[in-house]
Amino acid sequence: MRLLWGRQPVARLLEDAATPAPLRARLELVERVRGFGAELGLDVDGQYTSLVEVPGEAVVTTVVGTRPGEIEPAGFWFPVVGRLPYKGFFDPDRARAEAERLAASGLDTCVSPVRAYSTLGWFDDPLTTPLLRLEDGLLVEVLLHELTHATVFVAGDADFNEGLATFVGEEAAIRFWEAASGPDGEDARRERARVADDRRIADDLARFRGAVADLYAEFAAGPERDRRRAGLEAETRERLAALPLGSRDAAKLAAAVRLNDACQALVGAYQSDLPAYAQRLAELDGDLTELLAAAREAAEAPEPRCALLGICASPKDPDS
C-alpha cells in the first residue's frame, strides 16, 4: 500500500519540463515497451503507468527453502495463488528472519533481492527506481516478463508461470529491439547475444541440477554424498568459467553463482522449461502472439505444462 500511495503518474512526469533528461528517456522507453507488449497480446492495461521512489537496489526480497536431499522447493501456500516456490518480503529483515526460521528447521535456504514483482493484474503495478536503474536490455526483458504474469497465471503452478514469463520476456525483448533498430541493428544484435548467453548458462545449470537430483536418488545422506556433490559443483564452475560469453565475464559468473540446493531450486522454476518453450515456438513458426494465445488456452487445462509443452506429470501409482 505504501508503494501504491507513493506513485507518480508517468504521463505527468513526461509533461513536466523539470523531469531530468535521463529519467525522461527511461520513461519513454517503458512507454514503448508497453505499446509493444500490447501488440504482442499481453494485458498491459494500467501496468507501469506510474513511478515510485524506492530506496536501495531491491524492491522485494524472496526466500526459498529446500528439504535435505531435494533440489525442488519446499514451497509456501497462499490463498488465491496457491503454492509458490518462494515467499516475498518488502522488508529485507523479515526475509532474513524467515530464512533463519527455515534453516533452524533443517532446510537449505536462498535469500534473493529482486527489483520487480507482479500483482498479477490485481493492481496497476508501478515502476520503481531500482527497476529503472537496470540496463536497457534487461529492463525491457523484466517489464515483458512481469506483463506476462499479469496476462497468464495458473494458481499453484510456478513452473508454468515462471517458465512462460521467462521465455516470453527473453523472446519479446529480442523482438522489441529488432523492431526498434532493425534486425541487424546494434541493439538487436546485443540483445540476441545477451539472451543466447543466458540460455547457455541455463543449460549448464540444468545439467548440474539433473546430476544433483540423480545423486540424491542414488546415495543416502552422508560424507560420500557430500563429497560427490562438491565435485559436481566444482565441475559446474569450471564449465561456466569456460563458456564463450560475450555479454558478461564467465570467470566472475562461475565464482559468484550460488549452487546450493535452494538457490538452484529457484533457478529451476524459471529456467527448466526454456528448451521446451523454444521447441513449441518453432512449431508455431516463431509466432510469439500465437504462443501467448496457446498459453492462455493451456492455463484452463488440468495440466497447463502438459497442454502447452507436452511436459506431463507421471501417473500416480494406484497402490500409493
C-alpha atoms as a PDB file:
ATOM      1  CA  MET A   1       0.000   0.000   0.000  1.00  0.00           C
ATOM      2  CA  ARG A   2       2.901   2.362   0.685  1.00  0.00           C
ATOM      3  CA  LEU A   3       4.148   1.744  -2.849  1.00  0.00           C
ATOM      4  CA  LEU A   4       0.718   2.339  -4.344  1.00  0.00           C
ATOM      5  CA  TRP A   5       0.204   5.551  -2.353  1.00  0.00           C
ATOM      6  CA  GLY A   6       3.640   6.830  -3.381  1.00  0.00           C
ATOM      7  CA  ARG A   7       3.032   6.565  -7.117  1.00  0.00           C
ATOM      8  CA  GLN A   8       3.561   9.470  -9.501  1.00  0.00           C
ATOM      9  CA  PRO A   9       1.835   9.254 -12.905  1.00  0.00           C
ATOM     10  CA  VAL A  10       4.315   8.721 -15.722  1.00  0.00           C
ATOM     11  CA  ALA A  11       2.253  10.968 -18.023  1.00  0.00           C
ATOM     12  CA  ARG A  12       2.628  13.854 -15.574  1.00  0.00           C
ATOM     13  CA  LEU A  13       6.388  13.295 -15.315  1.00  0.00           C
ATOM     14  CA  LEU A  14       6.726  13.290 -19.095  1.00  0.00           C
ATOM     15  CA  GLU A  15       4.771  16.541 -19.323  1.00  0.00           C
ATOM     16  CA  ASP A  16       6.884  18.224 -16.628  1.00  0.00           C
ATOM     17  CA  ALA A  17       9.750  20.225 -18.147  1.00  0.00           C
ATOM     18  CA  ALA A  18      11.667  19.786 -14.870  1.00  0.00           C
ATOM     19  CA  THR A  19      11.890  15.985 -15.277  1.00  0.00           C
ATOM     20  CA  PRO A  20      15.593  15.149 -15.768  1.00  0.00           C
ATOM     21  CA  ALA A  21      16.501  14.037 -19.280  1.00  0.00           C
ATOM     22  CA  PRO A  22      17.846  10.591 -18.221  1.00  0.00           C
ATOM     23  CA  LEU A  23      14.629   9.799 -16.336  1.00  0.00           C
ATOM     24  CA  ARG A  24      12.538  11.047 -19.242  1.00  0.00           C
ATOM     25  CA  ALA A  25      14.413   8.721 -21.601  1.00  0.00           C
ATOM     26  CA  ARG A  26      13.789   5.740 -19.328  1.00  0.00           C
ATOM     27  CA  LEU A  27      10.085   6.524 -19.013  1.00  0.00           C
ATOM     28  CA  GLU A  28       9.774   6.921 -22.778  1.00  0.00           C
ATOM     29  CA  LEU A  29      11.436   3.540 -23.215  1.00  0.00           C
ATOM     30  CA  VAL A  30       8.892   1.997 -20.838  1.00  0.00           C
ATOM     31  CA  GLU A  31       6.054   3.553 -22.817  1.00  0.00           C
ATOM     32  CA  ARG A  32       7.405   1.971 -25.994  1.00  0.00           C
ATOM     33  CA  VAL A  33       7.686  -1.410 -24.253  1.00  0.00           C
ATOM     34  CA  ARG A  34       4.079  -1.168 -23.057  1.00  0.00           C
ATOM     35  CA  GLY A  35       2.906  -0.471 -26.597  1.00  0.00           C
ATOM     36  CA  PHE A  36       4.967  -3.342 -27.968  1.00  0.00           C
ATOM     37  CA  GLY A  37       3.633  -5.702 -25.303  1.00  0.00           C
ATOM     38  CA  ALA A  38       0.047  -4.782 -26.178  1.00  0.00           C
ATOM     39  CA  GLU A  39       0.740  -5.559 -29.849  1.00  0.00           C
ATOM     40  CA  LEU A  40       2.031  -8.992 -28.844  1.00  0.00           C
ATOM     41  CA  GLY A  41      -1.157  -9.754 -26.948  1.00  0.00           C
ATOM     42  CA  LEU A  42      -0.053  -9.001 -23.395  1.00  0.00           C
ATOM     43  CA  ASP A  43      -2.563  -7.429 -20.997  1.00  0.00           C
ATOM     44  CA  VAL A  44      -0.915  -4.056 -20.460  1.00  0.00           C
ATOM     45  CA  ASP A  45      -3.888  -2.075 -19.068  1.00  0.00           C
ATOM     46  CA  GLY A  46      -2.576   0.340 -16.417  1.00  0.00           C
ATOM     47  CA  GLN A  47       0.632  -1.544 -15.658  1.00  0.00           C
ATOM     48  CA  TYR A  48       3.749   0.635 -15.307  1.00  0.00           C
ATOM     49  CA  THR A  49       1.956   3.930 -15.856  1.00  0.00           C
ATOM     50  CA  SER A  50       3.299   5.301 -12.569  1.00  0.00           C
ATOM     51  CA  LEU A  51       6.648   5.598 -10.793  1.00  0.00           C
ATOM     52  CA  VAL A  52       7.510   5.257  -7.121  1.00  0.00           C
ATOM     53  CA  GLU A  53      10.781   6.043  -5.379  1.00  0.00           C
ATOM     54  CA  VAL A  54      12.228   3.031  -3.534  1.00  0.00           C
ATOM     55  CA  PRO A  55      15.497   3.256  -1.588  1.00  0.00           C
ATOM     56  CA  GLY A  56      18.264   0.787  -2.345  1.00  0.00           C
ATOM     57  CA  GLU A  57      18.628  -1.658  -5.217  1.00  0.00           C
ATOM     58  CA  ALA A  58      15.761  -4.059  -4.471  1.00  0.00           C
ATOM     59  CA  VAL A  59      12.008  -3.820  -4.053  1.00  0.00           C
ATOM     60  CA  VAL A  60      11.284  -7.322  -2.783  1.00  0.00           C
ATOM     61  CA  THR A  61      13.447  -9.942  -1.070  1.00  0.00           C
ATOM     62  CA  THR A  62      12.471 -13.539  -1.751  1.00  0.00           C
ATOM     63  CA  VAL A  63      13.122 -16.621   0.359  1.00  0.00           C
ATOM     64  CA  VAL A  64      13.249 -20.204  -0.910  1.00  0.00           C
ATOM     65  CA  GLY A  65      13.739 -23.383   1.128  1.00  0.00           C
ATOM     66  CA  THR A  66      14.520 -26.975   0.165  1.00  0.00           C
ATOM     67  CA  ARG A  67      14.348 -30.089   2.309  1.00  0.00           C
ATOM     68  CA  PRO A  68      17.504 -32.172   2.835  1.00  0.00           C
ATOM     69  CA  GLY A  69      18.247 -34.320  -0.175  1.00  0.00           C
ATOM     70  CA  GLU A  70      15.962 -32.370  -2.518  1.00  0.00           C
ATOM     71  CA  ILE A  71      16.637 -29.790  -5.200  1.00  0.00           C
ATOM     72  CA  GLU A  72      12.990 -28.847  -5.603  1.00  0.00           C
ATOM     73  CA  PRO A  73      11.499 -26.055  -3.477  1.00  0.00           C
ATOM     74  CA  ALA A  74       9.558 -26.994  -0.364  1.00  0.00           C
ATOM     75  CA  GLY A  75       7.254 -24.115  -1.248  1.00  0.00           C
ATOM     76  CA  PHE A  76       4.737 -21.946   0.560  1.00  0.00           C
ATOM     77  CA  TRP A  77       0.964 -21.998   0.318  1.00  0.00           C
ATOM     78  CA  PHE A  78      -1.094 -18.804  -0.013  1.00  0.00           C
ATOM     79  CA  PRO A  79      -4.790 -18.119  -0.531  1.00  0.00           C
ATOM     80  CA  VAL A  80      -5.855 -17.407  -4.139  1.00  0.00           C
ATOM     81  CA  VAL A  81      -2.431 -18.006  -5.756  1.00  0.00           C
ATOM     82  CA  GLY A  82      -1.850 -21.446  -4.240  1.00  0.00           C
ATOM     83  CA  ARG A  83       1.598 -22.974  -3.710  1.00  0.00           C
ATOM     84  CA  LEU A  84       4.623 -20.924  -4.751  1.00  0.00           C
ATOM     85  CA  PRO A  85       8.312 -21.823  -4.515  1.00  0.00           C
ATOM     86  CA  TYR A  86       9.172 -18.517  -2.876  1.00  0.00           C
ATOM     87  CA  LYS A  87       7.911 -16.104  -0.267  1.00  0.00           C
ATOM     88  CA  GLY A  88       8.498 -12.407  -0.917  1.00  0.00           C
ATOM     89  CA  PHE A  89       9.002  -9.630   1.596  1.00  0.00           C
ATOM     90  CA  PHE A  90       9.098  -5.887   1.123  1.00  0.00           C
ATOM     91  CA  ASP A  91      11.118  -5.750   4.364  1.00  0.00           C
ATOM     92  CA  PRO A  92      14.515  -7.493   3.901  1.00  0.00           C
ATOM     93  CA  ASP A  93      14.894  -8.003   7.654  1.00  0.00           C
ATOM     94  CA  ARG A  94      11.712 -10.069   7.683  1.00  0.00           C
ATOM     95  CA  ALA A  95      13.038 -12.082   4.759  1.00  0.00           C
ATOM     96  CA  ARG A  96      16.250 -12.865   6.618  1.00  0.00           C
ATOM     97  CA  ALA A  97      14.278 -13.814   9.718  1.00  0.00           C
ATOM     98  CA  GLU A  98      12.173 -16.211   7.646  1.00  0.00           C
ATOM     99  CA  ALA A  99      15.311 -17.764   6.170  1.00  0.00           C
ATOM    100  CA  GLU A 100      16.721 -18.232   9.664  1.00  0.00           C
ATOM    101  CA  ARG A 101      13.481 -19.905  10.736  1.00  0.00           C
ATOM    102  CA  LEU A 102      13.627 -22.298   7.789  1.00  0.00           C
ATOM    103  CA  ALA A 103      17.294 -23.060   8.402  1.00  0.00           C
ATOM    104  CA  ALA A 104      16.576 -23.809  12.056  1.00  0.00           C
ATOM    105  CA  SER A 105      14.027 -26.401  10.917  1.00  0.00           C
ATOM    106  CA  GLY A 106      16.649 -28.119   8.753  1.00  0.00           C
ATOM    107  CA  LEU A 107      16.009 -26.595   5.346  1.00  0.00           C
ATOM    108  CA  ASP A 108      18.562 -25.198   2.933  1.00  0.00           C
ATOM    109  CA  THR A 109      17.726 -21.577   2.116  1.00  0.00           C
ATOM    110  CA  CYS A 110      18.239 -18.927  -0.539  1.00  0.00           C
ATOM    111  CA  VAL A 111      17.618 -15.209   0.005  1.00  0.00           C
ATOM    112  CA  SER A 112      17.439 -13.123  -3.180  1.00  0.00           C
ATOM    113  CA  PRO A 113      16.840  -9.384  -3.617  1.00  0.00           C
ATOM    114  CA  VAL A 114      14.764  -8.566  -6.714  1.00  0.00           C
ATOM    115  CA  ARG A 115      13.843  -5.329  -8.466  1.00  0.00           C
ATOM    116  CA  ALA A 116      10.381  -6.199  -9.794  1.00  0.00           C
ATOM    117  CA  TYR A 117       7.212  -8.005  -8.811  1.00  0.00           C
ATOM    118  CA  SER A 118       3.732  -8.545 -10.200  1.00  0.00           C
ATOM    119  CA  THR A 119       0.355  -8.423  -8.503  1.00  0.00           C
ATOM    120  CA  LEU A 120      -0.944 -10.478 -11.463  1.00  0.00           C
ATOM    121  CA  GLY A 121      -3.117  -7.672 -12.762  1.00  0.00           C
ATOM    122  CA  TRP A 122      -4.971  -7.145  -9.489  1.00  0.00           C
ATOM    123  CA  PHE A 123      -3.364  -3.701  -9.157  1.00  0.00           C
ATOM    124  CA  ASP A 124      -1.632  -1.344 -11.579  1.00  0.00           C
ATOM    125  CA  ASP A 125       1.958  -2.137 -10.622  1.00  0.00           C
ATOM    126  CA  PRO A 126       4.276   0.877 -10.599  1.00  0.00           C
ATOM    127  CA  LEU A 127       7.718   1.314 -12.000  1.00  0.00           C
ATOM    128  CA  THR A 128      10.299   1.598  -9.252  1.00  0.00           C
ATOM    129  CA  THR A 129      13.604   3.429  -9.173  1.00  0.00           C
ATOM    130  CA  PRO A 130      15.603   0.169  -8.707  1.00  0.00           C
ATOM    131  CA  LEU A 131      13.898  -1.262 -11.791  1.00  0.00           C
ATOM    132  CA  LEU A 132      14.709   1.811 -13.883  1.00  0.00           C
ATOM    133  CA  ARG A 133      18.381   1.503 -12.967  1.00  0.00           C
ATOM    134  CA  LEU A 134      18.649  -1.735 -14.963  1.00  0.00           C
ATOM    135  CA  GLU A 135      20.489  -1.530 -18.274  1.00  0.00           C
ATOM    136  CA  ASP A 136      18.183  -1.153 -21.273  1.00  0.00           C
ATOM    137  CA  GLY A 137      18.103  -4.765 -22.448  1.00  0.00           C
ATOM    138  CA  LEU A 138      17.372  -6.229 -19.039  1.00  0.00           C
ATOM    139  CA  LEU A 139      14.814  -3.518 -18.237  1.00  0.00           C
ATOM    140  CA  VAL A 140      12.854  -4.372 -21.370  1.00  0.00           C
ATOM    141  CA  GLU A 141      13.012  -8.104 -20.609  1.00  0.00           C
ATOM    142  CA  VAL A 142      11.880  -7.685 -16.995  1.00  0.00           C
ATOM    143  CA  LEU A 143       8.951  -5.475 -17.980  1.00  0.00           C
ATOM    144  CA  LEU A 144       7.766  -8.002 -20.569  1.00  0.00           C
ATOM    145  CA  HIS A 145       8.304 -10.841 -18.071  1.00  0.00           C
ATOM    146  CA  GLU A 146       6.093  -9.151 -15.486  1.00  0.00           C
ATOM    147  CA  LEU A 147       3.459  -8.219 -18.065  1.00  0.00           C
ATOM    148  CA  THR A 148       3.280 -11.920 -18.949  1.00  0.00           C
ATOM    149  CA  HIS A 149       2.428 -12.672 -15.307  1.00  0.00           C
ATOM    150  CA  ALA A 150      -0.373 -10.106 -15.489  1.00  0.00           C
ATOM    151  CA  THR A 151      -1.658 -11.838 -18.634  1.00  0.00           C
ATOM    152  CA  VAL A 152      -1.452 -15.577 -17.846  1.00  0.00           C
ATOM    153  CA  PHE A 153      -1.340 -17.098 -14.372  1.00  0.00           C
ATOM    154  CA  VAL A 154      -2.171 -20.542 -13.020  1.00  0.00           C
ATOM    155  CA  ALA A 155      -2.614 -20.814  -9.269  1.00  0.00           C
ATOM    156  CA  GLY A 156      -0.158 -23.225  -7.694  1.00  0.00           C
ATOM    157  CA  ASP A 157       1.865 -23.873 -10.876  1.00  0.00           C
ATOM    158  CA  ALA A 158       5.055 -21.825 -10.533  1.00  0.00           C
ATOM    159  CA  ASP A 159       6.924 -23.869 -13.146  1.00  0.00           C
ATOM    160  CA  PHE A 160       4.322 -22.927 -15.772  1.00  0.00           C
ATOM    161  CA  ASN A 161       4.057 -19.297 -14.673  1.00  0.00           C
ATOM    162  CA  GLU A 162       7.762 -18.549 -14.329  1.00  0.00           C
ATOM    163  CA  GLY A 163       8.865 -20.636 -17.300  1.00  0.00           C
ATOM    164  CA  LEU A 164       6.380 -18.888 -19.591  1.00  0.00           C
ATOM    165  CA  ALA A 165       7.238 -15.421 -18.283  1.00  0.00           C
ATOM    166  CA  THR A 166      10.976 -16.041 -18.589  1.00  0.00           C
ATOM    167  CA  PHE A 167      10.743 -17.317 -22.153  1.00  0.00           C
ATOM    168  CA  VAL A 168       8.314 -14.652 -23.338  1.00  0.00           C
ATOM    169  CA  GLY A 169      10.374 -11.936 -21.644  1.00  0.00           C
ATOM    170  CA  GLU A 170      13.521 -13.046 -23.452  1.00  0.00           C
ATOM    171  CA  GLU A 171      11.940 -13.591 -26.864  1.00  0.00           C
ATOM    172  CA  ALA A 172       9.840 -10.438 -26.733  1.00  0.00           C
ATOM    173  CA  ALA A 173      12.857  -8.352 -25.688  1.00  0.00           C
ATOM    174  CA  ILE A 174      14.763  -9.553 -28.761  1.00  0.00           C
ATOM    175  CA  ARG A 175      11.841  -8.665 -30.998  1.00  0.00           C
ATOM    176  CA  PHE A 176      11.402  -5.282 -29.345  1.00  0.00           C
ATOM    177  CA  TRP A 177      14.963  -4.309 -30.188  1.00  0.00           C
ATOM    178  CA  GLU A 178      14.716  -5.787 -33.678  1.00  0.00           C
ATOM    179  CA  ALA A 179      11.664  -3.596 -34.260  1.00  0.00           C
ATOM    180  CA  ALA A 180      13.410  -0.562 -32.760  1.00  0.00           C
ATOM    181  CA  SER A 181      16.784  -0.801 -34.510  1.00  0.00           C
ATOM    182  CA  GLY A 182      16.226  -3.303 -37.324  1.00  0.00           C
ATOM    183  CA  PRO A 183      17.226  -6.994 -37.248  1.00  0.00           C
ATOM    184  CA  ASP A 184      20.866  -6.095 -37.920  1.00  0.00           C
ATOM    185  CA  GLY A 185      20.952  -3.059 -35.647  1.00  0.00           C
ATOM    186  CA  GLU A 186      23.426  -2.847 -32.789  1.00  0.00           C
ATOM    187  CA  ASP A 187      20.713  -3.039 -30.112  1.00  0.00           C
ATOM    188  CA  ALA A 188      19.133  -6.129 -31.681  1.00  0.00           C
ATOM    189  CA  ARG A 189      22.488  -7.894 -32.042  1.00  0.00           C
ATOM    190  CA  ARG A 190      23.380  -7.049 -28.434  1.00  0.00           C
ATOM    191  CA  GLU A 191      20.080  -8.402 -27.144  1.00  0.00           C
ATOM    192  CA  ARG A 192      20.296 -11.636 -29.117  1.00  0.00           C
ATOM    193  CA  ALA A 193      23.810 -12.176 -27.762  1.00  0.00           C
ATOM    194  CA  ARG A 194      22.719 -11.459 -24.189  1.00  0.00           C
ATOM    195  CA  VAL A 195      19.802 -13.896 -24.346  1.00  0.00           C
ATOM    196  CA  ALA A 196      21.983 -16.524 -26.019  1.00  0.00           C
ATOM    197  CA  ASP A 197      24.461 -16.183 -23.142  1.00  0.00           C
ATOM    198  CA  ASP A 198      21.667 -16.517 -20.591  1.00  0.00           C
ATOM    199  CA  ARG A 199      20.495 -19.730 -22.259  1.00  0.00           C
ATOM    200  CA  ARG A 200      23.994 -21.211 -22.348  1.00  0.00           C
ATOM    201  CA  ILE A 201      24.220 -20.586 -18.623  1.00  0.00           C
ATOM    202  CA  ALA A 202      20.719 -22.008 -18.072  1.00  0.00           C
ATOM    203  CA  ASP A 203      21.670 -25.188 -19.961  1.00  0.00           C
ATOM    204  CA  ASP A 204      24.725 -25.731 -17.779  1.00  0.00           C
ATOM    205  CA  LEU A 205      22.783 -25.128 -14.575  1.00  0.00           C
ATOM    206  CA  ALA A 206      20.057 -27.536 -15.716  1.00  0.00           C
ATOM    207  CA  ARG A 207      22.752 -30.145 -16.262  1.00  0.00           C
ATOM    208  CA  PHE A 208      24.008 -29.520 -12.729  1.00  0.00           C
ATOM    209  CA  ARG A 209      20.534 -29.806 -11.172  1.00  0.00           C
ATOM    210  CA  GLY A 210      19.898 -33.045 -13.007  1.00  0.00           C
ATOM    211  CA  ALA A 211      23.166 -34.509 -11.771  1.00  0.00           C
ATOM    212  CA  VAL A 212      22.409 -33.459  -8.187  1.00  0.00           C
ATOM    213  CA  ALA A 213      18.921 -34.980  -8.368  1.00  0.00           C
ATOM    214  CA  ASP A 214      20.416 -38.246  -9.640  1.00  0.00           C
ATOM    215  CA  LEU A 215      22.998 -38.154  -6.845  1.00  0.00           C
ATOM    216  CA  TYR A 216      20.319 -37.708  -4.178  1.00  0.00           C
ATOM    217  CA  ALA A 217      18.328 -40.595  -5.654  1.00  0.00           C
ATOM    218  CA  GLU A 218      21.346 -42.916  -5.561  1.00  0.00           C
ATOM    219  CA  PHE A 219      23.104 -42.022  -2.304  1.00  0.00           C
ATOM    220  CA  ALA A 220      21.819 -41.578   1.217  1.00  0.00           C
ATOM    221  CA  ALA A 221      22.862 -38.512   3.193  1.00  0.00           C
ATOM    222  CA  GLY A 222      26.437 -38.749   4.428  1.00  0.00           C
ATOM    223  CA  PRO A 223      30.067 -37.899   3.715  1.00  0.00           C
ATOM    224  CA  GLU A 224      30.191 -39.758   0.392  1.00  0.00           C
ATOM    225  CA  ARG A 225      27.192 -37.906  -0.997  1.00  0.00           C
ATOM    226  CA  ASP A 226      28.598 -34.607   0.241  1.00  0.00           C
ATOM    227  CA  ARG A 227      31.940 -35.350  -1.434  1.00  0.00           C
ATOM    228  CA  ARG A 228      30.318 -36.195  -4.741  1.00  0.00           C
ATOM    229  CA  ARG A 229      28.095 -33.133  -4.641  1.00  0.00           C
ATOM    230  CA  ALA A 230      31.111 -30.903  -4.014  1.00  0.00           C
ATOM    231  CA  GLY A 231      32.707 -32.486  -7.069  1.00  0.00           C
ATOM    232  CA  LEU A 232      29.651 -31.723  -9.198  1.00  0.00           C
ATOM    233  CA  GLU A 233      29.742 -28.141  -8.019  1.00  0.00           C
ATOM    234  CA  ALA A 234      33.444 -27.791  -8.894  1.00  0.00           C
ATOM    235  CA  GLU A 235      32.859 -29.273 -12.351  1.00  0.00           C
ATOM    236  CA  THR A 236      29.968 -26.877 -12.958  1.00  0.00           C
ATOM    237  CA  ARG A 237      32.019 -23.843 -12.000  1.00  0.00           C
ATOM    238  CA  GLU A 238      34.755 -24.991 -14.388  1.00  0.00           C
ATOM    239  CA  ARG A 239      32.247 -25.388 -17.238  1.00  0.00           C
ATOM    240  CA  LEU A 240      30.684 -21.994 -16.555  1.00  0.00           C
ATOM    241  CA  ALA A 241      34.094 -20.320 -16.477  1.00  0.00           C
ATOM    242  CA  ALA A 242      34.867 -21.808 -19.902  1.00  0.00           C
ATOM    243  CA  LEU A 243      31.648 -20.661 -21.588  1.00  0.00           C
ATOM    244  CA  PRO A 244      32.229 -18.338 -24.582  1.00  0.00           C
ATOM    245  CA  LEU A 245      30.114 -15.488 -23.218  1.00  0.00           C
ATOM    246  CA  GLY A 246      30.056 -12.122 -24.899  1.00  0.00           C
ATOM    247  CA  SER A 247      27.809 -10.186 -22.516  1.00  0.00           C
ATOM    248  CA  ARG A 248      29.488 -10.966 -19.198  1.00  0.00           C
ATOM    249  CA  ASP A 249      32.662 -12.226 -17.580  1.00  0.00           C
ATOM    250  CA  ALA A 250      32.393 -16.034 -17.438  1.00  0.00           C
ATOM    251  CA  ALA A 251      35.036 -16.388 -14.719  1.00  0.00           C
ATOM    252  CA  LYS A 252      33.298 -13.918 -12.421  1.00  0.00           C
ATOM    253  CA  LEU A 253      29.954 -15.596 -13.073  1.00  0.00           C
ATOM    254  CA  ALA A 254      31.392 -19.022 -12.254  1.00  0.00           C
ATOM    255  CA  ALA A 255      32.825 -17.762  -8.981  1.00  0.00           C
ATOM    256  CA  ALA A 256      29.677 -15.916  -7.910  1.00  0.00           C
ATOM    257  CA  VAL A 257      26.875 -18.304  -8.920  1.00  0.00           C
ATOM    258  CA  ARG A 258      25.063 -19.862  -5.962  1.00  0.00           C
ATOM    259  CA  LEU A 259      24.884 -23.622  -6.411  1.00  0.00           C
ATOM    260  CA  ASN A 260      23.278 -24.636  -3.133  1.00  0.00           C
ATOM    261  CA  ASP A 261      20.028 -26.587  -3.389  1.00  0.00           C
ATOM    262  CA  ALA A 262      17.636 -23.779  -2.506  1.00  0.00           C
ATOM    263  CA  CYS A 263      19.111 -21.244  -4.919  1.00  0.00           C
ATOM    264  CA  GLN A 264      19.134 -23.797  -7.728  1.00  0.00           C
ATOM    265  CA  ALA A 265      15.558 -24.785  -6.909  1.00  0.00           C
ATOM    266  CA  LEU A 266      14.597 -21.157  -7.532  1.00  0.00           C
ATOM    267  CA  VAL A 267      16.574 -21.018 -10.779  1.00  0.00           C
ATOM    268  CA  GLY A 268      14.934 -24.227 -11.932  1.00  0.00           C
ATOM    269  CA  ALA A 269      11.438 -22.775 -11.569  1.00  0.00           C
ATOM    270  CA  TYR A 270      12.373 -20.045 -14.048  1.00  0.00           C
ATOM    271  CA  GLN A 271      14.611 -21.894 -16.486  1.00  0.00           C
ATOM    272  CA  SER A 272      13.887 -25.626 -16.620  1.00  0.00           C
ATOM    273  CA  ASP A 273      11.311 -25.421 -19.417  1.00  0.00           C
ATOM    274  CA  LEU A 274      13.142 -22.984 -21.717  1.00  0.00           C
ATOM    275  CA  PRO A 275      14.137 -25.650 -24.307  1.00  0.00           C
ATOM    276  CA  ALA A 276      10.554 -26.907 -24.433  1.00  0.00           C
ATOM    277  CA  TYR A 277       9.259 -23.369 -24.995  1.00  0.00           C
ATOM    278  CA  ALA A 278      11.778 -22.844 -27.786  1.00  0.00           C
ATOM    279  CA  GLN A 279      10.542 -26.023 -29.468  1.00  0.00           C
ATOM    280  CA  ARG A 280       6.893 -25.013 -29.051  1.00  0.00           C
ATOM    281  CA  LEU A 281       7.589 -21.587 -30.551  1.00  0.00           C
ATOM    282  CA  ALA A 282       9.303 -23.243 -33.517  1.00  0.00           C
ATOM    283  CA  GLU A 283       6.213 -25.411 -34.035  1.00  0.00           C
ATOM    284  CA  LEU A 284       4.216 -22.171 -34.225  1.00  0.00           C
ATOM    285  CA  ASP A 285       6.579 -20.800 -36.901  1.00  0.00           C
ATOM    286  CA  GLY A 286       8.046 -18.342 -34.421  1.00  0.00           C
ATOM    287  CA  ASP A 287       4.737 -16.564 -33.789  1.00  0.00           C
ATOM    288  CA  LEU A 288       5.021 -15.286 -30.217  1.00  0.00           C
ATOM    289  CA  THR A 289       1.458 -13.961 -30.240  1.00  0.00           C
ATOM    290  CA  GLU A 290       0.238 -17.461 -31.066  1.00  0.00           C
ATOM    291  CA  LEU A 291       2.327 -18.867 -28.221  1.00  0.00           C
ATOM    292  CA  LEU A 292       0.666 -16.450 -25.802  1.00  0.00           C
ATOM    293  CA  ALA A 293      -2.767 -17.409 -27.116  1.00  0.00           C
ATOM    294  CA  ALA A 294      -1.899 -21.091 -26.696  1.00  0.00           C
ATOM    295  CA  ALA A 295      -0.668 -20.376 -23.159  1.00  0.00           C
ATOM    296  CA  ARG A 296      -3.968 -18.681 -22.285  1.00  0.00           C
ATOM    297  CA  GLU A 297      -5.828 -21.742 -23.508  1.00  0.00           C
ATOM    298  CA  ALA A 298      -3.471 -24.143 -21.730  1.00  0.00           C
ATOM    299  CA  ALA A 299      -3.934 -22.236 -18.479  1.00  0.00           C
ATOM    300  CA  GLU A 300      -7.505 -23.545 -18.382  1.00  0.00           C
ATOM    301  CA  ALA A 301      -6.403 -27.175 -18.693  1.00  0.00           C
ATOM    302  CA  PRO A 302      -5.892 -29.503 -15.694  1.00  0.00           C
ATOM    303  CA  GLU A 303      -2.156 -29.717 -16.526  1.00  0.00           C
ATOM    304  CA  PRO A 304      -1.092 -26.481 -18.283  1.00  0.00           C
ATOM    305  CA  ARG A 305       2.509 -27.557 -18.944  1.00  0.00           C
ATOM    306  CA  CYS A 306       1.218 -30.804 -20.418  1.00  0.00           C
ATOM    307  CA  ALA A 307      -1.288 -28.979 -22.633  1.00  0.00           C
ATOM    308  CA  LEU A 308       1.219 -26.388 -23.879  1.00  0.00           C
ATOM    309  CA  LEU A 309       4.578 -28.173 -23.838  1.00  0.00           C
ATOM    310  CA  GLY A 310       3.833 -31.882 -23.555  1.00  0.00           C
ATOM    311  CA  ILE A 311       5.532 -31.999 -20.145  1.00  0.00           C
ATOM    312  CA  CYS A 312       3.068 -34.171 -18.288  1.00  0.00           C
ATOM    313  CA  ALA A 313       3.014 -35.449 -14.735  1.00  0.00           C
ATOM    314  CA  SER A 314       3.722 -39.136 -14.321  1.00  0.00           C
ATOM    315  CA  PRO A 315       0.561 -41.100 -13.484  1.00  0.00           C
ATOM    316  CA  LYS A 316       0.339 -41.888  -9.818  1.00  0.00           C
ATOM    317  CA  ASP A 317       0.753 -45.449  -8.643  1.00  0.00           C
ATOM    318  CA  PRO A 318      -2.799 -46.599  -7.720  1.00  0.00           C
ATOM    319  CA  ASP A 319      -1.354 -48.530  -4.777  1.00  0.00           C
ATOM    320  CA  SER A 320       0.500 -45.492  -3.349  1.00  0.00           C
END
